[in-house]
N, C-alpha and C. Protein backbone atom coordinates (compact mmCIF):
# COMPACT_ATOMS: atom_id res chain seq x y z
N MET A 1 -3.23 12.87 -10.84
CA MET A 1 -4.44 12.56 -11.57
C MET A 1 -5.61 13.33 -10.95
N ASN A 2 -6.45 13.93 -11.80
CA ASN A 2 -7.62 14.61 -11.27
C ASN A 2 -8.79 13.64 -11.20
N THR A 3 -9.88 14.08 -10.61
CA THR A 3 -11.04 13.21 -10.37
C THR A 3 -11.60 12.64 -11.68
N ALA A 4 -11.68 13.47 -12.70
CA ALA A 4 -12.23 13.01 -13.98
C ALA A 4 -11.34 11.92 -14.59
N GLN A 5 -10.02 12.09 -14.49
CA GLN A 5 -9.12 11.07 -15.02
C GLN A 5 -9.26 9.76 -14.25
N VAL A 6 -9.37 9.86 -12.93
CA VAL A 6 -9.51 8.66 -12.11
C VAL A 6 -10.80 7.93 -12.46
N GLU A 7 -11.90 8.69 -12.60
CA GLU A 7 -13.19 8.07 -12.95
C GLU A 7 -13.12 7.42 -14.32
N ALA A 8 -12.49 8.08 -15.29
CA ALA A 8 -12.37 7.51 -16.63
C ALA A 8 -11.54 6.23 -16.60
N LEU A 9 -10.46 6.24 -15.81
CA LEU A 9 -9.62 5.06 -15.68
C LEU A 9 -10.41 3.92 -15.02
N HIS A 10 -11.18 4.24 -14.00
CA HIS A 10 -12.01 3.22 -13.33
C HIS A 10 -12.99 2.60 -14.32
N ASP A 11 -13.63 3.44 -15.15
CA ASP A 11 -14.59 2.93 -16.12
C ASP A 11 -13.92 2.02 -17.14
N LEU A 12 -12.73 2.40 -17.57
CA LEU A 12 -12.00 1.57 -18.56
C LEU A 12 -11.53 0.24 -17.97
N LEU A 13 -11.11 0.27 -16.72
CA LEU A 13 -10.52 -0.93 -16.12
C LEU A 13 -11.52 -1.84 -15.44
N ALA A 14 -12.72 -1.36 -15.16
CA ALA A 14 -13.70 -2.17 -14.42
C ALA A 14 -13.91 -3.55 -15.03
N PRO A 15 -14.09 -3.66 -16.36
CA PRO A 15 -14.34 -5.00 -16.92
C PRO A 15 -13.11 -5.92 -16.94
N THR A 16 -11.92 -5.37 -16.73
CA THR A 16 -10.70 -6.18 -16.83
C THR A 16 -10.37 -6.96 -15.56
N GLY A 17 -10.98 -6.59 -14.44
CA GLY A 17 -10.65 -7.24 -13.17
C GLY A 17 -9.50 -6.59 -12.44
N TRP A 18 -8.86 -5.60 -13.06
CA TRP A 18 -7.70 -4.97 -12.43
C TRP A 18 -8.05 -4.15 -11.20
N LEU A 19 -9.20 -3.53 -11.21
CA LEU A 19 -9.60 -2.77 -10.03
C LEU A 19 -9.78 -3.70 -8.83
N ASP A 20 -10.39 -4.85 -9.07
CA ASP A 20 -10.57 -5.82 -7.98
C ASP A 20 -9.23 -6.33 -7.49
N ARG A 21 -8.32 -6.61 -8.41
CA ARG A 21 -6.99 -7.13 -8.02
C ARG A 21 -6.22 -6.10 -7.20
N THR A 22 -6.24 -4.84 -7.65
CA THR A 22 -5.48 -3.83 -6.90
C THR A 22 -6.16 -3.52 -5.57
N ARG A 23 -7.48 -3.55 -5.55
CA ARG A 23 -8.18 -3.32 -4.27
C ARG A 23 -7.89 -4.43 -3.27
N PHE A 24 -7.88 -5.67 -3.75
CA PHE A 24 -7.57 -6.79 -2.86
C PHE A 24 -6.15 -6.64 -2.29
N PHE A 25 -5.20 -6.38 -3.18
CA PHE A 25 -3.81 -6.21 -2.77
C PHE A 25 -3.69 -5.07 -1.76
N ALA A 26 -4.33 -3.95 -2.07
CA ALA A 26 -4.26 -2.77 -1.18
C ALA A 26 -4.92 -3.05 0.16
N ARG A 27 -6.05 -3.75 0.14
CA ARG A 27 -6.74 -4.06 1.40
C ARG A 27 -5.87 -4.96 2.28
N GLU A 28 -5.25 -5.96 1.68
CA GLU A 28 -4.38 -6.85 2.45
C GLU A 28 -3.18 -6.10 3.01
N LEU A 29 -2.60 -5.23 2.20
CA LEU A 29 -1.47 -4.43 2.66
C LEU A 29 -1.91 -3.50 3.79
N ARG A 30 -3.06 -2.89 3.64
CA ARG A 30 -3.59 -1.97 4.65
C ARG A 30 -3.86 -2.70 5.97
N ILE A 31 -4.39 -3.91 5.88
CA ILE A 31 -4.67 -4.70 7.09
C ILE A 31 -3.38 -5.06 7.80
N ARG A 32 -2.37 -5.42 7.03
CA ARG A 32 -1.11 -5.88 7.61
C ARG A 32 -0.25 -4.74 8.13
N ALA A 33 -0.29 -3.59 7.47
CA ALA A 33 0.53 -2.44 7.89
C ALA A 33 -0.18 -1.72 9.02
N ARG A 34 0.09 -2.14 10.24
CA ARG A 34 -0.63 -1.58 11.38
C ARG A 34 0.28 -0.95 12.43
N THR A 35 1.58 -0.92 12.14
CA THR A 35 2.55 -0.35 13.07
C THR A 35 3.10 0.96 12.50
N PRO A 36 3.01 2.08 13.23
CA PRO A 36 3.59 3.32 12.72
C PRO A 36 5.06 3.12 12.34
N ASN A 37 5.40 3.58 11.15
CA ASN A 37 6.76 3.46 10.59
C ASN A 37 7.18 2.02 10.36
N GLY A 38 6.23 1.12 10.30
CA GLY A 38 6.55 -0.29 10.09
C GLY A 38 6.37 -0.77 8.67
N LEU A 39 6.06 0.16 7.75
CA LEU A 39 5.93 -0.19 6.34
C LEU A 39 7.23 0.18 5.63
N LEU A 40 8.00 -0.82 5.26
CA LEU A 40 9.30 -0.62 4.62
C LEU A 40 9.15 -0.89 3.12
N ILE A 41 9.61 0.04 2.30
CA ILE A 41 9.53 -0.12 0.84
C ILE A 41 10.93 -0.22 0.28
N VAL A 42 11.12 -1.24 -0.54
CA VAL A 42 12.44 -1.47 -1.12
C VAL A 42 12.29 -1.85 -2.60
N GLY A 43 13.29 -1.51 -3.37
CA GLY A 43 13.33 -1.88 -4.77
C GLY A 43 14.63 -2.63 -5.04
N THR A 44 15.16 -2.46 -6.22
CA THR A 44 16.44 -3.08 -6.58
C THR A 44 17.52 -2.00 -6.54
N PRO A 45 18.79 -2.39 -6.58
CA PRO A 45 19.84 -1.38 -6.55
C PRO A 45 19.73 -0.35 -7.68
N ALA A 46 19.20 -0.76 -8.81
CA ALA A 46 19.10 0.16 -9.95
C ALA A 46 17.79 0.93 -10.00
N ASP A 47 16.81 0.54 -9.18
CA ASP A 47 15.49 1.17 -9.29
C ASP A 47 14.84 1.28 -7.91
N GLU A 48 15.05 2.41 -7.26
CA GLU A 48 14.44 2.64 -5.95
C GLU A 48 13.01 3.15 -6.15
N PRO A 49 12.07 2.67 -5.36
CA PRO A 49 10.66 2.99 -5.57
C PRO A 49 10.22 4.34 -4.97
N TRP A 50 10.80 5.42 -5.48
CA TRP A 50 10.47 6.76 -5.01
C TRP A 50 9.00 7.08 -5.23
N HIS A 51 8.51 6.71 -6.40
CA HIS A 51 7.14 7.03 -6.82
C HIS A 51 6.12 6.46 -5.82
N MET A 52 6.22 5.17 -5.55
CA MET A 52 5.28 4.52 -4.64
C MET A 52 5.44 5.06 -3.23
N THR A 53 6.67 5.33 -2.83
CA THR A 53 6.92 5.88 -1.49
C THR A 53 6.21 7.22 -1.33
N ALA A 54 6.31 8.07 -2.34
CA ALA A 54 5.67 9.39 -2.28
C ALA A 54 4.15 9.26 -2.21
N HIS A 55 3.59 8.34 -3.00
CA HIS A 55 2.13 8.16 -2.97
C HIS A 55 1.65 7.65 -1.62
N LEU A 56 2.37 6.70 -1.04
CA LEU A 56 1.95 6.17 0.26
C LEU A 56 2.13 7.21 1.37
N ALA A 57 3.17 8.03 1.26
CA ALA A 57 3.35 9.11 2.24
C ALA A 57 2.17 10.08 2.17
N ASP A 58 1.71 10.37 0.95
CA ASP A 58 0.54 11.24 0.79
C ASP A 58 -0.70 10.61 1.40
N GLU A 59 -0.91 9.32 1.12
CA GLU A 59 -2.09 8.63 1.67
C GLU A 59 -2.04 8.61 3.20
N SER A 60 -0.85 8.40 3.76
CA SER A 60 -0.71 8.39 5.22
C SER A 60 -1.10 9.75 5.80
N ARG A 61 -0.61 10.80 5.15
CA ARG A 61 -0.90 12.16 5.62
C ARG A 61 -2.37 12.50 5.46
N LEU A 62 -2.95 12.17 4.31
CA LEU A 62 -4.34 12.53 4.03
C LEU A 62 -5.34 11.76 4.90
N THR A 63 -5.01 10.52 5.22
CA THR A 63 -5.93 9.70 6.03
C THR A 63 -5.63 9.79 7.52
N GLY A 64 -4.49 10.41 7.87
CA GLY A 64 -4.13 10.51 9.27
C GLY A 64 -3.74 9.19 9.89
N LEU A 65 -3.21 8.27 9.07
CA LEU A 65 -2.83 6.95 9.55
C LEU A 65 -1.32 6.77 9.46
N PRO A 66 -0.61 6.88 10.59
CA PRO A 66 0.85 6.77 10.56
C PRO A 66 1.34 5.39 10.15
N GLU A 67 0.50 4.37 10.27
CA GLU A 67 0.94 3.04 9.87
C GLU A 67 1.11 2.91 8.36
N LEU A 68 0.57 3.87 7.61
CA LEU A 68 0.77 3.87 6.16
C LEU A 68 2.00 4.67 5.75
N ALA A 69 2.62 5.37 6.71
CA ALA A 69 3.82 6.17 6.39
C ALA A 69 4.95 5.22 6.03
N PRO A 70 5.44 5.30 4.81
CA PRO A 70 6.47 4.35 4.38
C PRO A 70 7.87 4.80 4.76
N THR A 71 8.73 3.82 4.93
CA THR A 71 10.16 4.06 5.09
C THR A 71 10.84 3.53 3.85
N LEU A 72 11.48 4.40 3.09
CA LEU A 72 12.20 3.98 1.90
C LEU A 72 13.52 3.35 2.32
N VAL A 73 13.71 2.10 1.92
CA VAL A 73 14.96 1.39 2.20
C VAL A 73 15.80 1.46 0.94
N ARG A 74 17.01 1.99 1.08
CA ARG A 74 17.88 2.22 -0.08
C ARG A 74 19.09 1.29 -0.03
N TRP A 75 19.58 0.95 -1.18
CA TRP A 75 20.73 0.06 -1.27
C TRP A 75 22.01 0.76 -0.87
N ALA A 76 22.17 2.01 -1.24
CA ALA A 76 23.40 2.73 -0.93
C ALA A 76 23.10 4.19 -0.69
N PRO A 77 22.53 4.53 0.48
CA PRO A 77 22.26 5.94 0.73
C PRO A 77 23.56 6.73 0.77
N PRO A 78 23.58 7.92 0.16
CA PRO A 78 24.81 8.70 0.17
C PRO A 78 25.11 9.24 1.56
N PRO A 79 26.39 9.41 1.88
CA PRO A 79 26.73 9.99 3.18
C PRO A 79 26.09 11.38 3.33
N GLY A 80 25.61 11.67 4.51
CA GLY A 80 25.01 12.97 4.77
C GLY A 80 23.58 13.11 4.28
N ALA A 81 22.96 12.01 3.82
CA ALA A 81 21.56 12.10 3.38
C ALA A 81 20.67 12.39 4.58
N PRO A 82 19.55 13.09 4.37
CA PRO A 82 18.63 13.34 5.49
C PRO A 82 18.17 12.01 6.08
N PRO A 83 17.77 12.01 7.35
CA PRO A 83 17.40 10.75 8.01
C PRO A 83 16.38 9.90 7.25
N HIS A 84 15.36 10.55 6.66
CA HIS A 84 14.34 9.76 5.97
C HIS A 84 14.84 9.17 4.65
N LEU A 85 16.01 9.60 4.20
CA LEU A 85 16.59 9.06 2.97
C LEU A 85 17.89 8.29 3.23
N SER A 86 18.15 8.00 4.49
CA SER A 86 19.42 7.34 4.82
C SER A 86 19.26 5.94 5.38
N VAL A 87 18.06 5.35 5.22
CA VAL A 87 17.84 4.00 5.71
C VAL A 87 18.41 3.02 4.69
N GLY A 88 19.41 2.26 5.11
CA GLY A 88 20.10 1.33 4.21
C GLY A 88 19.46 -0.05 4.18
N ILE A 89 19.93 -0.84 3.24
CA ILE A 89 19.40 -2.19 3.01
C ILE A 89 19.57 -3.09 4.23
N ASP A 90 20.55 -2.78 5.09
CA ASP A 90 20.74 -3.58 6.30
C ASP A 90 19.53 -3.50 7.23
N ARG A 91 18.67 -2.51 7.03
CA ARG A 91 17.47 -2.37 7.86
C ARG A 91 16.59 -3.61 7.77
N LEU A 92 16.64 -4.30 6.62
CA LEU A 92 15.82 -5.49 6.44
C LEU A 92 16.23 -6.61 7.39
N GLU A 93 17.48 -6.59 7.84
CA GLU A 93 17.95 -7.63 8.78
C GLU A 93 17.23 -7.53 10.12
N HIS A 94 16.70 -6.36 10.42
CA HIS A 94 16.05 -6.14 11.71
C HIS A 94 14.52 -6.13 11.60
N ALA A 95 13.99 -6.47 10.43
CA ALA A 95 12.54 -6.48 10.25
C ALA A 95 11.94 -7.61 11.07
N GLY A 96 10.85 -7.30 11.74
CA GLY A 96 10.21 -8.29 12.59
C GLY A 96 8.74 -8.45 12.29
N ARG A 97 8.06 -9.15 13.16
CA ARG A 97 6.66 -9.52 12.92
C ARG A 97 5.70 -8.33 12.88
N ASP A 98 6.09 -7.20 13.41
CA ASP A 98 5.22 -6.03 13.37
C ASP A 98 5.45 -5.17 12.12
N GLU A 99 6.28 -5.64 11.23
CA GLU A 99 6.62 -4.83 10.06
C GLU A 99 6.19 -5.51 8.77
N THR A 100 6.01 -4.68 7.76
CA THR A 100 5.59 -5.13 6.44
C THR A 100 6.59 -4.62 5.43
N LEU A 101 7.05 -5.51 4.57
CA LEU A 101 8.00 -5.13 3.51
C LEU A 101 7.26 -5.12 2.18
N LEU A 102 7.30 -3.99 1.51
CA LEU A 102 6.70 -3.88 0.19
C LEU A 102 7.83 -3.74 -0.82
N VAL A 103 7.96 -4.73 -1.67
CA VAL A 103 8.97 -4.71 -2.72
C VAL A 103 8.29 -4.20 -3.99
N VAL A 104 8.85 -3.15 -4.56
CA VAL A 104 8.34 -2.60 -5.81
C VAL A 104 9.48 -2.73 -6.80
N SER A 105 9.33 -3.66 -7.73
CA SER A 105 10.44 -3.97 -8.62
C SER A 105 9.97 -4.25 -10.03
N GLY A 106 10.43 -3.42 -10.95
CA GLY A 106 10.13 -3.61 -12.36
C GLY A 106 11.12 -4.54 -13.04
N GLU A 107 12.06 -5.07 -12.28
CA GLU A 107 13.04 -6.00 -12.83
C GLU A 107 13.17 -7.18 -11.88
N VAL A 108 13.90 -8.19 -12.29
CA VAL A 108 14.08 -9.38 -11.46
C VAL A 108 14.86 -9.00 -10.21
N ALA A 109 14.35 -9.45 -9.07
CA ALA A 109 15.00 -9.13 -7.80
C ALA A 109 16.34 -9.85 -7.71
N PRO A 110 17.39 -9.14 -7.31
CA PRO A 110 18.70 -9.78 -7.17
C PRO A 110 18.70 -10.76 -5.99
N SER A 111 19.61 -11.71 -6.04
CA SER A 111 19.67 -12.72 -4.98
C SER A 111 19.91 -12.10 -3.61
N ALA A 112 20.67 -11.00 -3.54
CA ALA A 112 20.92 -10.35 -2.25
C ALA A 112 19.61 -9.86 -1.63
N LEU A 113 18.67 -9.37 -2.44
CA LEU A 113 17.38 -8.94 -1.93
C LEU A 113 16.54 -10.14 -1.54
N LEU A 114 16.53 -11.18 -2.37
CA LEU A 114 15.74 -12.37 -2.07
C LEU A 114 16.17 -13.01 -0.75
N GLU A 115 17.48 -13.04 -0.50
CA GLU A 115 17.99 -13.61 0.75
C GLU A 115 17.51 -12.80 1.95
N ARG A 116 17.57 -11.48 1.84
CA ARG A 116 17.12 -10.62 2.94
C ARG A 116 15.61 -10.76 3.18
N LEU A 117 14.86 -10.88 2.10
CA LEU A 117 13.42 -11.06 2.24
C LEU A 117 13.08 -12.39 2.89
N ALA A 118 13.80 -13.43 2.51
CA ALA A 118 13.57 -14.76 3.10
C ALA A 118 13.85 -14.72 4.59
N ASP A 119 14.93 -14.05 4.98
CA ASP A 119 15.25 -13.93 6.42
C ASP A 119 14.18 -13.14 7.15
N ALA A 120 13.71 -12.06 6.55
CA ALA A 120 12.67 -11.23 7.19
C ALA A 120 11.37 -12.02 7.32
N ARG A 121 11.07 -12.83 6.33
CA ARG A 121 9.85 -13.64 6.40
C ARG A 121 9.95 -14.65 7.54
N LYS A 122 11.13 -15.22 7.74
CA LYS A 122 11.32 -16.18 8.82
C LYS A 122 11.11 -15.55 10.19
N THR A 123 11.41 -14.25 10.32
CA THR A 123 11.22 -13.58 11.61
C THR A 123 9.80 -13.04 11.78
N GLY A 124 8.94 -13.27 10.77
CA GLY A 124 7.54 -12.89 10.90
C GLY A 124 7.09 -11.67 10.14
N ALA A 125 7.99 -11.01 9.43
CA ALA A 125 7.58 -9.84 8.63
C ALA A 125 6.73 -10.30 7.45
N ALA A 126 5.76 -9.50 7.10
CA ALA A 126 4.92 -9.80 5.94
C ALA A 126 5.61 -9.24 4.69
N ILE A 127 5.58 -9.99 3.62
CA ILE A 127 6.22 -9.59 2.37
C ILE A 127 5.14 -9.38 1.31
N PHE A 128 5.13 -8.20 0.72
CA PHE A 128 4.24 -7.87 -0.39
C PHE A 128 5.11 -7.48 -1.57
N ALA A 129 4.64 -7.76 -2.78
CA ALA A 129 5.44 -7.42 -3.95
C ALA A 129 4.55 -6.91 -5.09
N ILE A 130 5.02 -5.83 -5.70
CA ILE A 130 4.48 -5.38 -6.99
C ILE A 130 5.63 -5.57 -7.95
N ASP A 131 5.44 -6.45 -8.92
CA ASP A 131 6.55 -6.80 -9.82
C ASP A 131 6.04 -7.00 -11.23
N GLN A 132 6.95 -7.44 -12.10
CA GLN A 132 6.57 -7.67 -13.49
C GLN A 132 6.74 -9.13 -13.87
N GLY A 133 6.41 -9.99 -12.92
CA GLY A 133 6.46 -11.43 -13.20
C GLY A 133 7.78 -12.04 -12.79
N ASP A 134 8.11 -11.95 -11.51
CA ASP A 134 9.36 -12.49 -10.96
C ASP A 134 8.98 -13.68 -10.08
N PRO A 135 9.10 -14.92 -10.59
CA PRO A 135 8.61 -16.08 -9.85
C PRO A 135 9.25 -16.28 -8.48
N GLU A 136 10.55 -16.00 -8.35
CA GLU A 136 11.21 -16.19 -7.05
C GLU A 136 10.71 -15.18 -6.03
N LEU A 137 10.54 -13.94 -6.45
CA LEU A 137 10.01 -12.91 -5.55
C LEU A 137 8.58 -13.24 -5.16
N GLU A 138 7.77 -13.63 -6.13
CA GLU A 138 6.37 -13.94 -5.86
C GLU A 138 6.23 -15.15 -4.94
N GLU A 139 7.16 -16.09 -5.02
CA GLU A 139 7.12 -17.26 -4.14
C GLU A 139 7.39 -16.86 -2.68
N LEU A 140 8.24 -15.86 -2.48
CA LEU A 140 8.54 -15.38 -1.12
C LEU A 140 7.42 -14.50 -0.55
N ALA A 141 6.70 -13.83 -1.42
CA ALA A 141 5.71 -12.85 -0.98
C ALA A 141 4.45 -13.52 -0.44
N HIS A 142 3.89 -12.90 0.59
CA HIS A 142 2.58 -13.32 1.08
C HIS A 142 1.50 -12.92 0.08
N GLU A 143 1.68 -11.73 -0.50
CA GLU A 143 0.77 -11.24 -1.55
C GLU A 143 1.62 -10.61 -2.64
N ALA A 144 1.28 -10.91 -3.90
CA ALA A 144 2.02 -10.33 -5.02
C ALA A 144 1.04 -9.83 -6.07
N LEU A 145 1.39 -8.72 -6.67
CA LEU A 145 0.63 -8.16 -7.78
C LEU A 145 1.57 -8.09 -8.97
N ALA A 146 1.41 -9.03 -9.89
CA ALA A 146 2.27 -9.08 -11.07
C ALA A 146 1.67 -8.22 -12.17
N VAL A 147 2.45 -7.29 -12.67
CA VAL A 147 2.04 -6.41 -13.76
C VAL A 147 2.83 -6.85 -14.99
N LEU A 148 2.25 -7.78 -15.73
CA LEU A 148 2.96 -8.34 -16.89
C LEU A 148 2.81 -7.39 -18.07
N PRO A 149 3.94 -6.90 -18.60
CA PRO A 149 3.89 -5.87 -19.65
C PRO A 149 3.04 -6.25 -20.86
N ALA A 150 3.08 -7.50 -21.29
CA ALA A 150 2.34 -7.89 -22.49
C ALA A 150 0.86 -8.15 -22.22
N GLN A 151 0.48 -8.28 -20.95
CA GLN A 151 -0.89 -8.68 -20.64
C GLN A 151 -1.68 -7.65 -19.82
N ALA A 152 -1.01 -6.90 -18.97
CA ALA A 152 -1.71 -5.98 -18.08
C ALA A 152 -2.25 -4.78 -18.86
N PRO A 153 -3.46 -4.34 -18.53
CA PRO A 153 -4.03 -3.17 -19.21
C PRO A 153 -3.48 -1.84 -18.68
N VAL A 154 -2.59 -1.91 -17.70
CA VAL A 154 -1.97 -0.71 -17.13
C VAL A 154 -0.46 -0.87 -17.13
N SER A 155 0.23 0.26 -17.06
CA SER A 155 1.69 0.22 -16.96
C SER A 155 2.09 -0.11 -15.53
N PHE A 156 3.35 -0.36 -15.33
CA PHE A 156 3.87 -0.64 -13.99
C PHE A 156 3.62 0.55 -13.07
N ASP A 157 3.87 1.77 -13.57
CA ASP A 157 3.58 2.98 -12.78
C ASP A 157 2.08 3.13 -12.55
N GLY A 158 1.29 2.82 -13.56
CA GLY A 158 -0.17 2.91 -13.42
C GLY A 158 -0.69 1.98 -12.33
N ALA A 159 -0.13 0.78 -12.25
CA ALA A 159 -0.54 -0.18 -11.21
C ALA A 159 -0.22 0.37 -9.83
N GLN A 160 0.93 1.05 -9.69
CA GLN A 160 1.28 1.64 -8.41
C GLN A 160 0.28 2.73 -8.02
N HIS A 161 -0.16 3.52 -9.00
CA HIS A 161 -1.19 4.53 -8.74
C HIS A 161 -2.47 3.88 -8.24
N LEU A 162 -2.88 2.81 -8.91
CA LEU A 162 -4.12 2.15 -8.53
C LEU A 162 -4.04 1.59 -7.11
N VAL A 163 -2.90 1.00 -6.78
CA VAL A 163 -2.74 0.44 -5.43
C VAL A 163 -2.77 1.55 -4.39
N SER A 164 -2.05 2.63 -4.63
CA SER A 164 -2.03 3.71 -3.63
C SER A 164 -3.41 4.35 -3.48
N LEU A 165 -4.16 4.50 -4.58
CA LEU A 165 -5.52 5.02 -4.49
C LEU A 165 -6.42 4.07 -3.71
N ALA A 166 -6.26 2.77 -3.97
CA ALA A 166 -7.08 1.78 -3.27
C ALA A 166 -6.73 1.72 -1.79
N ILE A 167 -5.48 1.94 -1.44
CA ILE A 167 -5.09 1.97 -0.03
C ILE A 167 -5.78 3.15 0.65
N GLY A 168 -5.82 4.28 -0.04
CA GLY A 168 -6.51 5.44 0.51
C GLY A 168 -8.00 5.18 0.69
N GLU A 169 -8.61 4.49 -0.28
CA GLU A 169 -10.03 4.14 -0.17
C GLU A 169 -10.25 3.22 1.02
N ALA A 170 -9.38 2.22 1.17
CA ALA A 170 -9.53 1.25 2.26
C ALA A 170 -9.32 1.92 3.61
N ALA A 171 -8.51 2.97 3.64
CA ALA A 171 -8.21 3.64 4.90
C ALA A 171 -9.20 4.74 5.24
N ALA A 172 -10.05 5.10 4.28
CA ALA A 172 -11.00 6.18 4.54
C ALA A 172 -11.95 5.76 5.66
N PRO A 173 -12.20 6.66 6.58
CA PRO A 173 -13.09 6.30 7.68
C PRO A 173 -14.51 6.04 7.18
N ARG A 174 -15.10 5.00 7.72
CA ARG A 174 -16.48 4.67 7.36
C ARG A 174 -17.43 5.51 8.19
N PRO A 175 -18.53 5.94 7.57
CA PRO A 175 -19.49 6.70 8.36
C PRO A 175 -20.06 5.81 9.47
N GLN A 176 -20.17 6.37 10.64
CA GLN A 176 -20.66 5.59 11.77
C GLN A 176 -22.18 5.65 11.80
N ARG A 177 -22.76 4.53 12.17
CA ARG A 177 -24.21 4.48 12.33
C ARG A 177 -24.57 5.26 13.58
N PRO A 178 -25.72 5.90 13.53
CA PRO A 178 -26.13 6.64 14.73
C PRO A 178 -26.30 5.67 15.90
N GLY A 179 -25.97 6.16 17.08
CA GLY A 179 -26.11 5.34 18.28
C GLY A 179 -27.58 5.18 18.65
N MET A 180 -27.83 4.30 19.61
CA MET A 180 -29.19 4.01 20.04
C MET A 180 -29.91 5.27 20.53
N ARG A 181 -29.19 6.11 21.29
CA ARG A 181 -29.82 7.33 21.80
C ARG A 181 -30.29 8.25 20.69
N SER A 182 -29.42 8.46 19.70
CA SER A 182 -29.81 9.38 18.63
C SER A 182 -30.92 8.78 17.77
N GLN A 183 -30.91 7.46 17.58
CA GLN A 183 -31.99 6.82 16.84
C GLN A 183 -33.32 6.98 17.59
N LEU A 184 -33.27 6.76 18.90
CA LEU A 184 -34.46 6.89 19.72
C LEU A 184 -34.97 8.33 19.72
N ALA A 185 -34.03 9.28 19.83
CA ALA A 185 -34.43 10.70 19.82
C ALA A 185 -35.11 11.06 18.50
N ARG A 186 -34.57 10.57 17.37
CA ARG A 186 -35.20 10.86 16.08
C ARG A 186 -36.58 10.22 15.97
N LEU A 187 -36.70 9.00 16.50
CA LEU A 187 -37.99 8.33 16.48
C LEU A 187 -39.02 9.10 17.29
N LEU A 188 -38.62 9.54 18.50
CA LEU A 188 -39.53 10.33 19.34
C LEU A 188 -39.90 11.65 18.68
N ASP A 189 -38.93 12.30 18.04
CA ASP A 189 -39.23 13.54 17.33
C ASP A 189 -40.23 13.30 16.19
N ALA A 190 -40.04 12.19 15.47
CA ALA A 190 -40.95 11.88 14.37
C ALA A 190 -42.36 11.61 14.88
N ILE A 191 -42.44 10.87 15.99
CA ILE A 191 -43.76 10.55 16.55
C ILE A 191 -44.45 11.81 17.06
N SER A 192 -43.69 12.67 17.69
CA SER A 192 -44.27 13.88 18.29
C SER A 192 -44.48 14.99 17.27
N GLY A 193 -43.96 14.82 16.08
CA GLY A 193 -44.14 15.83 15.05
C GLY A 193 -43.12 16.95 15.09
N ILE A 194 -42.07 16.81 15.90
CA ILE A 194 -41.03 17.85 15.98
C ILE A 194 -40.11 17.70 14.76
N GLN A 195 -39.90 18.80 14.07
CA GLN A 195 -39.02 18.80 12.90
C GLN A 195 -37.57 18.98 13.35
N PRO A 196 -36.64 18.17 12.82
CA PRO A 196 -35.24 18.36 13.19
C PRO A 196 -34.76 19.74 12.79
N GLY A 197 -33.91 20.35 13.67
CA GLY A 197 -33.44 21.72 13.45
C GLY A 197 -32.27 21.87 12.62
């Protein structure tokens, strides 16, 4: 998406509350994802969240924040897959309190995933979900963003774009206020009539 498209989308969605919802979700995810390589993304066996993984990897790179670098967890990685594509579903068994699990699922989560998520939650991992109205998944999640097809003003993919953009906004460094010395120096320059160079 280019800047003009993003601005047009923001203008269209502002009155719907969706920007606030995605910003809140993204801010909470950003706050919780504080361990490098501790953000695990998983989908269902039939739908791996490649799209969201790629967007978060871009945001991690652009913001210089390794804690946003996602690890794609796959149900059945093929033999010989590169290391970043060979993390299997058993990885969720080892998720701990320093890790965050992001479930991106456009379909109902299978019981095998729900069981793994429940176990990970018991060990202290944070669970986030972007789904299409899955009550069992949302009950397990600390934060959930439901994208209901008949009600949401954006598509499921569109919601993922909004969340990844909002994560980048939340991660952008804030301008720092000038320190006391520089404030004092500017004040003295103003009093003495010296123009800043």
